[in-house]
Amino acid sequence: MLFLASTGIIGDIFNALRGIKFSQLLVGFLFYLASQLIRALRWWFLLNTRLDWTISVSFVNVMFNNLLPARLGELSWFYFAKKAKIELIISFWVFLIARGFDLLSASVFLLLSIGETFIAVFLLILAFFLILVIKNFRVSAFRYLNNLSLKSYMVVFWLSILSMFLKFLGFIWMFNLWQELKVVSISFIGSELHSVLPFYGFAGFGTFEAIFVLPASLRGEEITKWLTIGSAYHIILLLFSIFLGVCGMLYLRRFYISNNICAITPKN
């Protein structure tokens, strides 16, 4: 925030936010909501969990991830998984699979955006080759992975792709950037990669914007425009995630009170 204040664009950021029509904001939120629901479906697909519990936990996890530094918000997943009596080794692998496919899908999008189709395809082939290798490690720690079919991994991958694509559409729709798709897609994907990696300040302020403007900076463009858009988008993302996260927390509180204990049986 100090960095943004020093650039003198705080007024520009609020002007950008005020310039978004309510209809654009609503559609952007619906795209974001659809993206987060699909994101939650990955955990539901990997575990035999109640769908309402899974969606609520996913909302809360995203909120804490967006607010806490150094990805400390990830600990919320393990807290709720333990509360649901899911084995630590299973919750760990489910977490790793989801985050791994977040990173893979963002990397593929980035490579396609810069025209590196061959490398993107090679990365996909390499990723699934490694999955096949890991599935053949017959040790107890890999029991959960051994029991997952290749189809399961494919479903999680395509859900990750769809989730990111819908989030991107919401961003484009809110800021009306249809004429600059190629340029803005790289900035968007950079911010998505940033959300997976541990280099994250409090609420992402500063680090999010730095990654978002990096492509424009490398092209030698004036970064004020992209810094303004990135900062406004970041604020909207935080508000969206806080709203859904609070809804998730309220639901989980009621869920645990009414059910006493969350009886969930993960897949074997």
C-alpha atoms as a PDB file:
ATOM      1  CA  MET A   1       0.000   0.000   0.000  1.00  0.00           C
ATOM      2  CA  LEU A   2       2.891   2.357   0.743  1.00  0.00           C
ATOM      3  CA  PHE A   3       4.241   1.629  -2.728  1.00  0.00           C
ATOM      4  CA  LEU A   4       0.891   2.441  -4.343  1.00  0.00           C
ATOM      5  CA  ALA A   5       0.656   5.641  -2.318  1.00  0.00           C
ATOM      6  CA  SER A   6       4.146   6.644  -3.428  1.00  0.00           C
ATOM      7  CA  THR A   7       3.178   6.263  -7.110  1.00  0.00           C
ATOM      8  CA  GLY A   8       0.360   8.789  -6.740  1.00  0.00           C
ATOM      9  CA  ILE A   9      -2.218   6.580  -8.463  1.00  0.00           C
ATOM     10  CA  ILE A  10      -4.550   5.971  -5.517  1.00  0.00           C
ATOM     11  CA  GLY A  11      -7.031   8.390  -7.093  1.00  0.00           C
ATOM     12  CA  ASP A  12      -6.734   6.587 -10.436  1.00  0.00           C
ATOM     13  CA  ILE A  13      -7.458   3.260  -8.758  1.00  0.00           C
ATOM     14  CA  PHE A  14     -10.660   4.558  -7.163  1.00  0.00           C
ATOM     15  CA  ASN A  15     -11.673   6.148 -10.460  1.00  0.00           C
ATOM     16  CA  ALA A  16     -11.169   2.774 -12.153  1.00  0.00           C
ATOM     17  CA  LEU A  17     -13.350   1.124  -9.517  1.00  0.00           C
ATOM     18  CA  ARG A  18     -16.050   3.775  -9.848  1.00  0.00           C
ATOM     19  CA  GLY A  19     -15.941   3.371 -13.624  1.00  0.00           C
ATOM     20  CA  ILE A  20     -17.131  -0.246 -13.401  1.00  0.00           C
ATOM     21  CA  LYS A  21     -20.865  -0.426 -13.990  1.00  0.00           C
ATOM     22  CA  PHE A  22     -22.969  -2.434 -11.549  1.00  0.00           C
ATOM     23  CA  SER A  23     -23.975  -4.817 -14.348  1.00  0.00           C
ATOM     24  CA  GLN A  24     -20.296  -5.421 -15.173  1.00  0.00           C
ATOM     25  CA  LEU A  25     -19.490  -6.009 -11.513  1.00  0.00           C
ATOM     26  CA  LEU A  26     -22.407  -8.417 -11.144  1.00  0.00           C
ATOM     27  CA  VAL A  27     -21.401 -10.444 -14.201  1.00  0.00           C
ATOM     28  CA  GLY A  28     -17.792 -10.402 -13.003  1.00  0.00           C
ATOM     29  CA  PHE A  29     -18.898 -11.738  -9.623  1.00  0.00           C
ATOM     30  CA  LEU A  30     -20.983 -14.486 -11.233  1.00  0.00           C
ATOM     31  CA  PHE A  31     -17.967 -15.572 -13.293  1.00  0.00           C
ATOM     32  CA  TYR A  32     -15.851 -15.516 -10.130  1.00  0.00           C
ATOM     33  CA  LEU A  33     -18.475 -17.505  -8.218  1.00  0.00           C
ATOM     34  CA  ALA A  34     -18.667 -20.110 -10.995  1.00  0.00           C
ATOM     35  CA  SER A  35     -14.868 -20.293 -11.001  1.00  0.00           C
ATOM     36  CA  GLN A  36     -14.747 -20.917  -7.252  1.00  0.00           C
ATOM     37  CA  LEU A  37     -17.535 -23.508  -7.355  1.00  0.00           C
ATOM     38  CA  ILE A  38     -15.655 -25.454 -10.035  1.00  0.00           C
ATOM     39  CA  ARG A  39     -12.474 -25.088  -7.989  1.00  0.00           C
ATOM     40  CA  ALA A  40     -14.297 -26.658  -5.032  1.00  0.00           C
ATOM     41  CA  LEU A  41     -15.559 -29.488  -7.227  1.00  0.00           C
ATOM     42  CA  ARG A  42     -11.975 -30.740  -7.511  1.00  0.00           C
ATOM     43  CA  TRP A  43     -11.832 -31.482  -3.773  1.00  0.00           C
ATOM     44  CA  TRP A  44     -15.316 -32.965  -3.896  1.00  0.00           C
ATOM     45  CA  PHE A  45     -14.245 -35.199  -6.789  1.00  0.00           C
ATOM     46  CA  LEU A  46     -11.083 -36.355  -4.989  1.00  0.00           C
ATOM     47  CA  LEU A  47     -12.834 -37.025  -1.672  1.00  0.00           C
ATOM     48  CA  ASN A  48     -16.158 -38.607  -0.680  1.00  0.00           C
ATOM     49  CA  THR A  49     -17.239 -35.424   1.057  1.00  0.00           C
ATOM     50  CA  ARG A  50     -20.515 -33.611   1.350  1.00  0.00           C
ATOM     51  CA  LEU A  51     -20.663 -31.043  -1.435  1.00  0.00           C
ATOM     52  CA  ASP A  52     -21.881 -28.232   0.830  1.00  0.00           C
ATOM     53  CA  TRP A  53     -18.986 -28.846   3.249  1.00  0.00           C
ATOM     54  CA  THR A  54     -16.448 -28.938   0.410  1.00  0.00           C
ATOM     55  CA  ILE A  55     -17.665 -25.701  -1.184  1.00  0.00           C
ATOM     56  CA  SER A  56     -17.706 -23.872   2.155  1.00  0.00           C
ATOM     57  CA  VAL A  57     -14.202 -25.028   3.087  1.00  0.00           C
ATOM     58  CA  SER A  58     -12.917 -24.032  -0.348  1.00  0.00           C
ATOM     59  CA  PHE A  59     -14.408 -20.525   0.010  1.00  0.00           C
ATOM     60  CA  VAL A  60     -12.832 -20.088   3.445  1.00  0.00           C
ATOM     61  CA  ASN A  61      -9.495 -21.448   2.239  1.00  0.00           C
ATOM     62  CA  VAL A  62      -9.372 -18.994  -0.683  1.00  0.00           C
ATOM     63  CA  MET A  63     -10.252 -16.079   1.607  1.00  0.00           C
ATOM     64  CA  PHE A  64      -7.470 -16.879   4.088  1.00  0.00           C
ATOM     65  CA  ASN A  65      -5.037 -17.482   1.237  1.00  0.00           C
ATOM     66  CA  ASN A  66      -5.797 -14.055  -0.189  1.00  0.00           C
ATOM     67  CA  LEU A  67      -5.432 -12.313   3.173  1.00  0.00           C
ATOM     68  CA  LEU A  68      -2.566 -14.035   4.973  1.00  0.00           C
ATOM     69  CA  PRO A  69       1.070 -13.711   3.892  1.00  0.00           C
ATOM     70  CA  ALA A  70       3.365 -16.518   2.679  1.00  0.00           C
ATOM     71  CA  ARG A  71       0.396 -18.826   1.870  1.00  0.00           C
ATOM     72  CA  LEU A  72      -0.331 -19.357   5.568  1.00  0.00           C
ATOM     73  CA  GLY A  73      -3.999 -19.531   4.602  1.00  0.00           C
ATOM     74  CA  GLU A  74      -3.353 -23.030   3.248  1.00  0.00           C
ATOM     75  CA  LEU A  75      -3.318 -24.258   6.842  1.00  0.00           C
ATOM     76  CA  SER A  76      -7.092 -23.727   6.937  1.00  0.00           C
ATOM     77  CA  TRP A  77      -7.524 -26.700   4.562  1.00  0.00           C
ATOM     78  CA  PHE A  78      -5.651 -29.010   6.907  1.00  0.00           C
ATOM     79  CA  TYR A  79      -7.586 -27.669   9.906  1.00  0.00           C
ATOM     80  CA  PHE A  80     -10.970 -28.407   8.337  1.00  0.00           C
ATOM     81  CA  ALA A  81      -9.767 -31.730   6.910  1.00  0.00           C
ATOM     82  CA  LYS A  82      -8.652 -32.808  10.399  1.00  0.00           C
ATOM     83  CA  LYS A  83     -11.959 -31.639  11.844  1.00  0.00           C
ATOM     84  CA  ALA A  84     -13.673 -33.822   9.227  1.00  0.00           C
ATOM     85  CA  LYS A  85     -11.541 -36.799  10.338  1.00  0.00           C
ATOM     86  CA  ILE A  86      -9.729 -37.045   7.012  1.00  0.00           C
ATOM     87  CA  GLU A  87      -6.330 -38.700   7.369  1.00  0.00           C
ATOM     88  CA  LEU A  88      -3.440 -36.253   7.195  1.00  0.00           C
ATOM     89  CA  ILE A  89      -1.719 -38.197   4.411  1.00  0.00           C
ATOM     90  CA  ILE A  90      -4.888 -38.035   2.298  1.00  0.00           C
ATOM     91  CA  SER A  91      -5.535 -34.331   2.949  1.00  0.00           C
ATOM     92  CA  PHE A  92      -1.883 -33.678   2.079  1.00  0.00           C
ATOM     93  CA  TRP A  93      -2.104 -35.457  -1.288  1.00  0.00           C
ATOM     94  CA  VAL A  94      -5.429 -33.841  -2.165  1.00  0.00           C
ATOM     95  CA  PHE A  95      -3.932 -30.445  -1.348  1.00  0.00           C
ATOM     96  CA  LEU A  96      -0.806 -31.198  -3.397  1.00  0.00           C
ATOM     97  CA  ILE A  97      -2.808 -32.441  -6.392  1.00  0.00           C
ATOM     98  CA  ALA A  98      -5.032 -29.333  -6.393  1.00  0.00           C
ATOM     99  CA  ARG A  99      -2.133 -26.891  -6.072  1.00  0.00           C
ATOM    100  CA  GLY A 100      -0.055 -28.841  -8.582  1.00  0.00           C
ATOM    101  CA  PHE A 101      -2.792 -28.553 -11.188  1.00  0.00           C
ATOM    102  CA  ASP A 102      -3.243 -24.853 -10.357  1.00  0.00           C
ATOM    103  CA  LEU A 103       0.408 -24.370 -11.215  1.00  0.00           C
ATOM    104  CA  LEU A 104       0.224 -26.607 -14.286  1.00  0.00           C
ATOM    105  CA  SER A 105      -2.881 -24.957 -15.745  1.00  0.00           C
ATOM    106  CA  ALA A 106      -1.493 -21.442 -15.160  1.00  0.00           C
ATOM    107  CA  SER A 107       1.809 -22.443 -16.785  1.00  0.00           C
ATOM    108  CA  VAL A 108       0.016 -23.917 -19.810  1.00  0.00           C
ATOM    109  CA  PHE A 109      -2.109 -20.764 -20.178  1.00  0.00           C
ATOM    110  CA  LEU A 110       1.016 -18.605 -19.963  1.00  0.00           C
ATOM    111  CA  LEU A 111       2.885 -20.622 -22.581  1.00  0.00           C
ATOM    112  CA  LEU A 112      -0.085 -20.539 -24.948  1.00  0.00           C
ATOM    113  CA  SER A 113      -0.439 -16.772 -24.421  1.00  0.00           C
ATOM    114  CA  ILE A 114       3.121 -16.148 -25.550  1.00  0.00           C
ATOM    115  CA  GLY A 115       2.797 -18.540 -28.501  1.00  0.00           C
ATOM    116  CA  GLU A 116       4.803 -21.439 -27.083  1.00  0.00           C
ATOM    117  CA  THR A 117       2.297 -24.162 -27.987  1.00  0.00           C
ATOM    118  CA  PHE A 118       4.918 -26.885 -28.394  1.00  0.00           C
ATOM    119  CA  ILE A 119       6.375 -26.255 -24.927  1.00  0.00           C
ATOM    120  CA  ALA A 120       2.856 -26.206 -23.424  1.00  0.00           C
ATOM    121  CA  VAL A 121       2.062 -29.605 -24.955  1.00  0.00           C
ATOM    122  CA  PHE A 122       5.442 -30.953 -23.855  1.00  0.00           C
ATOM    123  CA  LEU A 123       4.789 -29.729 -20.293  1.00  0.00           C
ATOM    124  CA  LEU A 124       1.412 -31.512 -20.231  1.00  0.00           C
ATOM    125  CA  ILE A 125       2.932 -34.762 -21.506  1.00  0.00           C
ATOM    126  CA  LEU A 126       5.739 -34.527 -18.955  1.00  0.00           C
ATOM    127  CA  ALA A 127       3.309 -33.833 -16.113  1.00  0.00           C
ATOM    128  CA  PHE A 128       1.126 -36.853 -16.877  1.00  0.00           C
ATOM    129  CA  PHE A 129       4.185 -39.045 -17.434  1.00  0.00           C
ATOM    130  CA  LEU A 130       5.356 -38.129 -13.925  1.00  0.00           C
ATOM    131  CA  ILE A 131       1.885 -38.959 -12.606  1.00  0.00           C
ATOM    132  CA  LEU A 132       2.084 -42.423 -14.174  1.00  0.00           C
ATOM    133  CA  VAL A 133       5.530 -42.947 -12.629  1.00  0.00           C
ATOM    134  CA  ILE A 134       4.352 -41.868  -9.182  1.00  0.00           C
ATOM    135  CA  LYS A 135       1.273 -44.113  -9.411  1.00  0.00           C
ATOM    136  CA  ASN A 136       3.606 -47.124  -9.688  1.00  0.00           C
ATOM    137  CA  PHE A 137       5.398 -46.430  -6.404  1.00  0.00           C
ATOM    138  CA  ARG A 138       3.780 -49.129  -4.293  1.00  0.00           C
ATOM    139  CA  VAL A 139       4.520 -47.729  -0.851  1.00  0.00           C
ATOM    140  CA  SER A 140       2.058 -46.874   1.895  1.00  0.00           C
ATOM    141  CA  ALA A 141       2.632 -43.114   1.624  1.00  0.00           C
ATOM    142  CA  PHE A 142       1.484 -43.250  -2.010  1.00  0.00           C
ATOM    143  CA  ARG A 143      -1.562 -45.440  -1.337  1.00  0.00           C
ATOM    144  CA  TYR A 144      -4.034 -42.651  -2.100  1.00  0.00           C
ATOM    145  CA  LEU A 145      -2.293 -41.749  -5.370  1.00  0.00           C
ATOM    146  CA  ASN A 146      -2.084 -45.422  -6.396  1.00  0.00           C
ATOM    147  CA  ASN A 147      -5.849 -45.728  -6.111  1.00  0.00           C
ATOM    148  CA  LEU A 148      -6.637 -42.682  -8.233  1.00  0.00           C
ATOM    149  CA  SER A 149      -7.225 -43.423 -11.909  1.00  0.00           C
ATOM    150  CA  LEU A 150      -5.625 -41.426 -14.695  1.00  0.00           C
ATOM    151  CA  LYS A 151      -9.150 -40.272 -15.544  1.00  0.00           C
ATOM    152  CA  SER A 152      -9.380 -38.673 -12.099  1.00  0.00           C
ATOM    153  CA  TYR A 153      -6.259 -36.635 -12.762  1.00  0.00           C
ATOM    154  CA  MET A 154      -7.612 -35.582 -16.157  1.00  0.00           C
ATOM    155  CA  VAL A 155     -10.893 -34.443 -14.621  1.00  0.00           C
ATOM    156  CA  VAL A 156      -9.069 -32.378 -11.977  1.00  0.00           C
ATOM    157  CA  PHE A 157      -6.848 -30.845 -14.650  1.00  0.00           C
ATOM    158  CA  TRP A 158      -9.759 -29.773 -16.856  1.00  0.00           C
ATOM    159  CA  LEU A 159     -11.674 -28.437 -13.850  1.00  0.00           C
ATOM    160  CA  SER A 160      -8.581 -26.355 -13.015  1.00  0.00           C
ATOM    161  CA  ILE A 161      -8.433 -25.039 -16.589  1.00  0.00           C
ATOM    162  CA  LEU A 162     -12.155 -24.194 -16.610  1.00  0.00           C
ATOM    163  CA  SER A 163     -11.960 -22.486 -13.215  1.00  0.00           C
ATOM    164  CA  MET A 164      -9.100 -20.251 -14.351  1.00  0.00           C
ATOM    165  CA  PHE A 165     -10.772 -19.480 -17.683  1.00  0.00           C
ATOM    166  CA  LEU A 166     -14.013 -18.368 -16.025  1.00  0.00           C
ATOM    167  CA  LYS A 167     -12.071 -16.174 -13.614  1.00  0.00           C
ATOM    168  CA  PHE A 168     -10.271 -14.611 -16.587  1.00  0.00           C
ATOM    169  CA  LEU A 169     -13.580 -13.939 -18.379  1.00  0.00           C
ATOM    170  CA  GLY A 170     -14.871 -12.175 -15.277  1.00  0.00           C
ATOM    171  CA  PHE A 171     -11.781  -9.976 -15.181  1.00  0.00           C
ATOM    172  CA  ILE A 172     -12.038  -9.083 -18.881  1.00  0.00           C
ATOM    173  CA  TRP A 173     -15.759  -8.387 -18.566  1.00  0.00           C
ATOM    174  CA  MET A 174     -15.440  -6.041 -15.578  1.00  0.00           C
ATOM    175  CA  PHE A 175     -12.661  -3.931 -17.094  1.00  0.00           C
ATOM    176  CA  ASN A 176     -13.820  -4.216 -20.731  1.00  0.00           C
ATOM    177  CA  LEU A 177     -10.419  -5.314 -22.015  1.00  0.00           C
ATOM    178  CA  TRP A 178     -11.592  -7.332 -25.010  1.00  0.00           C
ATOM    179  CA  GLN A 179      -9.375  -5.353 -27.387  1.00  0.00           C
ATOM    180  CA  GLU A 180      -6.234  -6.178 -25.400  1.00  0.00           C
ATOM    181  CA  LEU A 181      -6.705  -9.885 -24.748  1.00  0.00           C
ATOM    182  CA  LYS A 182      -3.200 -11.006 -25.610  1.00  0.00           C
ATOM    183  CA  VAL A 183      -1.521  -8.347 -23.493  1.00  0.00           C
ATOM    184  CA  VAL A 184      -3.787  -8.588 -20.491  1.00  0.00           C
ATOM    185  CA  SER A 185      -3.902 -12.409 -20.497  1.00  0.00           C
ATOM    186  CA  ILE A 186      -0.195 -12.562 -19.644  1.00  0.00           C
ATOM    187  CA  SER A 187      -0.653 -10.141 -16.723  1.00  0.00           C
ATOM    188  CA  PHE A 188      -3.654 -12.128 -15.492  1.00  0.00           C
ATOM    189  CA  ILE A 189      -1.812 -15.441 -15.671  1.00  0.00           C
ATOM    190  CA  GLY A 190       1.153 -13.901 -13.883  1.00  0.00           C
ATOM    191  CA  SER A 191      -1.143 -12.931 -11.025  1.00  0.00           C
ATOM    192  CA  GLU A 192      -2.539 -16.486 -10.964  1.00  0.00           C
ATOM    193  CA  LEU A 193       0.952 -17.985 -10.780  1.00  0.00           C
ATOM    194  CA  HIS A 194       1.692 -15.536  -7.989  1.00  0.00           C
ATOM    195  CA  SER A 195      -1.310 -16.881  -6.055  1.00  0.00           C
ATOM    196  CA  VAL A 196       0.182 -20.392  -6.094  1.00  0.00           C
ATOM    197  CA  LEU A 197       3.739 -19.484  -5.082  1.00  0.00           C
ATOM    198  CA  PRO A 198       4.779 -18.628  -1.490  1.00  0.00           C
ATOM    199  CA  PHE A 199       6.041 -15.121  -2.371  1.00  0.00           C
ATOM    200  CA  TYR A 200       2.989 -13.324  -1.033  1.00  0.00           C
ATOM    201  CA  GLY A 201       2.712 -10.300   1.234  1.00  0.00           C
ATOM    202  CA  PHE A 202      -0.166  -9.416   3.567  1.00  0.00           C
ATOM    203  CA  ALA A 203      -3.340  -9.512   1.410  1.00  0.00           C
ATOM    204  CA  GLY A 204      -0.953  -9.698  -1.548  1.00  0.00           C
ATOM    205  CA  PHE A 205      -0.556  -5.916  -1.690  1.00  0.00           C
ATOM    206  CA  GLY A 206       2.550  -4.994  -3.608  1.00  0.00           C
ATOM    207  CA  THR A 207       3.486  -8.494  -4.717  1.00  0.00           C
ATOM    208  CA  PHE A 208       0.274  -8.956  -6.738  1.00  0.00           C
ATOM    209  CA  GLU A 209       0.660  -5.602  -8.483  1.00  0.00           C
ATOM    210  CA  ALA A 210       4.375  -6.139  -9.152  1.00  0.00           C
ATOM    211  CA  ILE A 211       3.681  -9.424 -10.961  1.00  0.00           C
ATOM    212  CA  PHE A 212       0.702  -7.945 -12.802  1.00  0.00           C
ATOM    213  CA  VAL A 213       2.691  -5.046 -14.327  1.00  0.00           C
ATOM    214  CA  LEU A 214       5.818  -7.110 -15.054  1.00  0.00           C
ATOM    215  CA  PRO A 215       4.835  -8.043 -18.660  1.00  0.00           C
ATOM    216  CA  ALA A 216       4.162  -4.381 -19.527  1.00  0.00           C
ATOM    217  CA  SER A 217       7.425  -3.367 -17.904  1.00  0.00           C
ATOM    218  CA  LEU A 218       9.370  -5.964 -19.901  1.00  0.00           C
ATOM    219  CA  ARG A 219       7.789  -4.657 -23.111  1.00  0.00           C
ATOM    220  CA  GLY A 220       9.005  -1.171 -22.202  1.00  0.00           C
ATOM    221  CA  GLU A 221       5.464   0.197 -21.833  1.00  0.00           C
ATOM    222  CA  GLU A 222       4.385   2.873 -19.381  1.00  0.00           C
ATOM    223  CA  ILE A 223       3.107   0.848 -16.416  1.00  0.00           C
ATOM    224  CA  THR A 224       0.715   3.352 -14.798  1.00  0.00           C
ATOM    225  CA  LYS A 225      -2.289   2.027 -16.723  1.00  0.00           C
ATOM    226  CA  TRP A 226      -1.590  -1.593 -15.861  1.00  0.00           C
ATOM    227  CA  LEU A 227      -0.730  -0.770 -12.266  1.00  0.00           C
ATOM    228  CA  THR A 228      -4.088   0.958 -11.939  1.00  0.00           C
ATOM    229  CA  ILE A 229      -6.006  -1.941 -13.507  1.00  0.00           C
ATOM    230  CA  GLY A 230      -4.076  -4.547 -11.526  1.00  0.00           C
ATOM    231  CA  SER A 231      -4.631  -2.733  -8.227  1.00  0.00           C
ATOM    232  CA  ALA A 232      -8.355  -2.247  -8.882  1.00  0.00           C
ATOM    233  CA  TYR A 233      -8.730  -5.895  -9.886  1.00  0.00           C
ATOM    234  CA  HIS A 234      -6.830  -6.990  -6.791  1.00  0.00           C
ATOM    235  CA  ILE A 235      -9.174  -5.018  -4.519  1.00  0.00           C
ATOM    236  CA  ILE A 236     -12.213  -6.556  -6.219  1.00  0.00           C
ATOM    237  CA  LEU A 237     -10.762 -10.066  -5.859  1.00  0.00           C
ATOM    238  CA  LEU A 238     -10.195  -9.483  -2.153  1.00  0.00           C
ATOM    239  CA  LEU A 239     -13.766  -8.249  -1.664  1.00  0.00           C
ATOM    240  CA  PHE A 240     -15.236 -11.162  -3.642  1.00  0.00           C
ATOM    241  CA  SER A 241     -13.169 -13.734  -1.717  1.00  0.00           C
ATOM    242  CA  ILE A 242     -13.973 -12.151   1.668  1.00  0.00           C
ATOM    243  CA  PHE A 243     -17.694 -12.183   0.883  1.00  0.00           C
ATOM    244  CA  LEU A 244     -17.659 -15.858  -0.136  1.00  0.00           C
ATOM    245  CA  GLY A 245     -15.278 -16.744   2.718  1.00  0.00           C
ATOM    246  CA  VAL A 246     -17.524 -15.174   5.352  1.00  0.00           C
ATOM    247  CA  CYS A 247     -20.528 -16.978   3.862  1.00  0.00           C
ATOM    248  CA  GLY A 248     -18.535 -20.217   4.032  1.00  0.00           C
ATOM    249  CA  MET A 249     -17.556 -19.632   7.667  1.00  0.00           C
ATOM    250  CA  LEU A 250     -21.140 -18.894   8.686  1.00  0.00           C
ATOM    251  CA  TYR A 251     -22.351 -22.026   6.927  1.00  0.00           C
ATOM    252  CA  LEU A 252     -19.633 -24.198   8.482  1.00  0.00           C
ATOM    253  CA  ARG A 253     -20.472 -22.871  11.941  1.00  0.00           C
ATOM    254  CA  ARG A 254     -24.100 -23.847  11.443  1.00  0.00           C
ATOM    255  CA  PHE A 255     -23.036 -27.124   9.810  1.00  0.00           C
ATOM    256  CA  TYR A 256     -20.941 -28.255  12.776  1.00  0.00           C
ATOM    257  CA  ILE A 257     -23.567 -27.174  15.305  1.00  0.00           C
ATOM    258  CA  SER A 258     -26.347 -29.082  13.552  1.00  0.00           C
ATOM    259  CA  ASN A 259     -24.263 -32.157  12.702  1.00  0.00           C
ATOM    260  CA  ASN A 260     -22.074 -32.160  15.845  1.00  0.00           C
ATOM    261  CA  ILE A 261     -19.362 -33.922  13.851  1.00  0.00           C
ATOM    262  CA  CYS A 262     -18.587 -33.887  10.158  1.00  0.00           C
ATOM    263  CA  ALA A 263     -18.894 -37.528   9.117  1.00  0.00           C
ATOM    264  CA  ILE A 264     -16.880 -37.708   5.924  1.00  0.00           C
ATOM    265  CA  THR A 265     -15.275 -40.770   4.399  1.00  0.00           C
ATOM    266  CA  PRO A 266     -12.445 -40.053   1.940  1.00  0.00           C
ATOM    267  CA  LYS A 267     -11.873 -42.253  -1.081  1.00  0.00           C
ATOM    268  CA  ASN A 268      -9.608 -45.238  -0.589  1.00  0.00           C
END
